[in-house]
Amino acid sequence: MPSDPVIPAREAPRTAAPGPATKYPKASTREGKRVVTAYVSPEAFRQLKVIAAGEDAQIQDLLAEGLNAVFEKRGLSRIA
C-alpha cells in the first residue's frame, strides 16, 4: 500500500518585529502643554464656531479665554 505523500507545514508569514511607535514632531506651540477634551452639544459647538469665525479667532483661543474666566472667578491666576 503506497504511503501518503508528506505535505510540508505552511509557515506563518513573517512580519517585522514591532519597534517603537512612530513619534511625530510636536508643534512648538504645543511644547509644555497638555490636551484637554470636552464633549459639548452640537448646538454649543456650532455657536463656538460662529463666534470664532465672527472674531477671526481660533477655537483654541476661545477655550483658553473660557478657562481663564473660570480661574479668575475662583481667584486663581489666568494662566491658560
Protein backbone atom coordinates (compact mmCIF):
# COMPACT_ATOMS: atom_id res chain seq x y z
CA MET A 1 0.00 0.00 0.00
CA PRO A 2 1.54 3.35 -1.01
CA SER A 3 2.27 5.78 1.77
CA ASP A 4 0.62 9.18 1.84
CA PRO A 5 2.78 11.99 0.43
CA VAL A 6 4.33 14.21 3.04
CA ILE A 7 2.97 17.75 2.80
CA PRO A 8 5.20 20.35 4.44
CA ALA A 9 3.51 22.54 7.01
CA ARG A 10 2.94 26.13 5.93
CA GLU A 11 4.86 28.69 7.89
CA ALA A 12 3.08 31.75 9.14
CA PRO A 13 4.09 34.85 7.21
CA ARG A 14 6.95 36.64 8.88
CA THR A 15 6.32 40.18 9.98
CA ALA A 16 8.79 42.75 11.14
CA ALA A 17 9.38 42.84 14.84
CA PRO A 18 7.37 45.59 16.48
CA GLY A 19 9.53 48.62 17.04
CA PRO A 20 8.97 51.83 18.91
CA ALA A 21 5.88 53.78 17.95
CA THR A 22 6.48 56.44 15.35
CA LYS A 23 6.77 59.82 17.02
CA TYR A 24 5.71 62.82 15.04
CA PRO A 25 7.32 66.15 15.74
CA LYS A 26 5.32 68.24 18.19
CA ALA A 27 4.44 71.77 17.11
CA SER A 28 6.44 74.34 19.03
CA THR A 29 3.17 76.00 20.10
CA ARG A 30 2.24 72.76 21.94
CA GLU A 31 5.50 72.32 23.83
CA GLY A 32 4.91 72.06 27.57
CA LYS A 33 1.13 71.91 27.18
CA ARG A 34 -1.45 69.19 27.88
CA VAL A 35 -4.55 68.20 25.94
CA VAL A 36 -7.97 68.89 27.49
CA THR A 37 -11.04 67.37 25.88
CA ALA A 38 -14.68 68.29 26.43
CA TYR A 39 -17.86 66.94 24.90
CA VAL A 40 -20.44 69.59 24.08
CA SER A 41 -23.75 69.57 22.28
CA PRO A 42 -23.78 70.16 18.53
CA GLU A 43 -25.50 73.50 19.17
CA ALA A 44 -22.77 74.66 21.56
CA PHE A 45 -20.09 73.59 19.10
CA ARG A 46 -21.85 75.45 16.29
CA GLN A 47 -22.07 78.62 18.42
CA LEU A 48 -18.39 78.36 19.26
CA LYS A 49 -17.51 78.08 15.56
CA VAL A 50 -19.72 81.09 14.73
CA ILE A 51 -18.05 83.19 17.42
CA ALA A 52 -14.60 82.12 16.25
CA ALA A 53 -15.43 82.97 12.64
CA GLY A 54 -17.02 86.31 13.58
CA GLU A 55 -13.99 87.34 15.62
CA ASP A 56 -11.44 85.80 13.23
CA ALA A 57 -10.16 83.75 16.17
CA GLN A 58 -9.31 80.11 16.70
CA ILE A 59 -11.46 77.86 18.86
CA GLN A 60 -8.32 77.14 20.89
CA ASP A 61 -8.09 80.83 21.83
CA LEU A 62 -11.77 81.00 22.85
CA LEU A 63 -11.40 77.90 25.03
CA ALA A 64 -8.32 79.38 26.73
CA GLU A 65 -10.34 82.56 27.33
CA GLY A 66 -13.08 80.49 28.93
CA LEU A 67 -10.62 78.63 31.15
CA ASN A 68 -9.08 81.90 32.25
CA ALA A 69 -12.56 83.23 33.13
CA VAL A 70 -13.14 80.14 35.32
CA PHE A 71 -9.76 80.61 37.02
CA GLU A 72 -10.36 84.33 37.60
CA LYS A 73 -13.84 83.72 39.04
CA ARG A 74 -12.22 81.45 41.63
CA GLY A 75 -9.46 83.90 42.50
CA LEU A 76 -6.77 82.00 40.60
CA SER A 77 -4.22 83.22 38.09
CA ARG A 78 -5.23 83.48 34.44
CA ILE A 79 -2.63 81.02 33.14
CA ALA A 80 -4.37 79.17 30.29
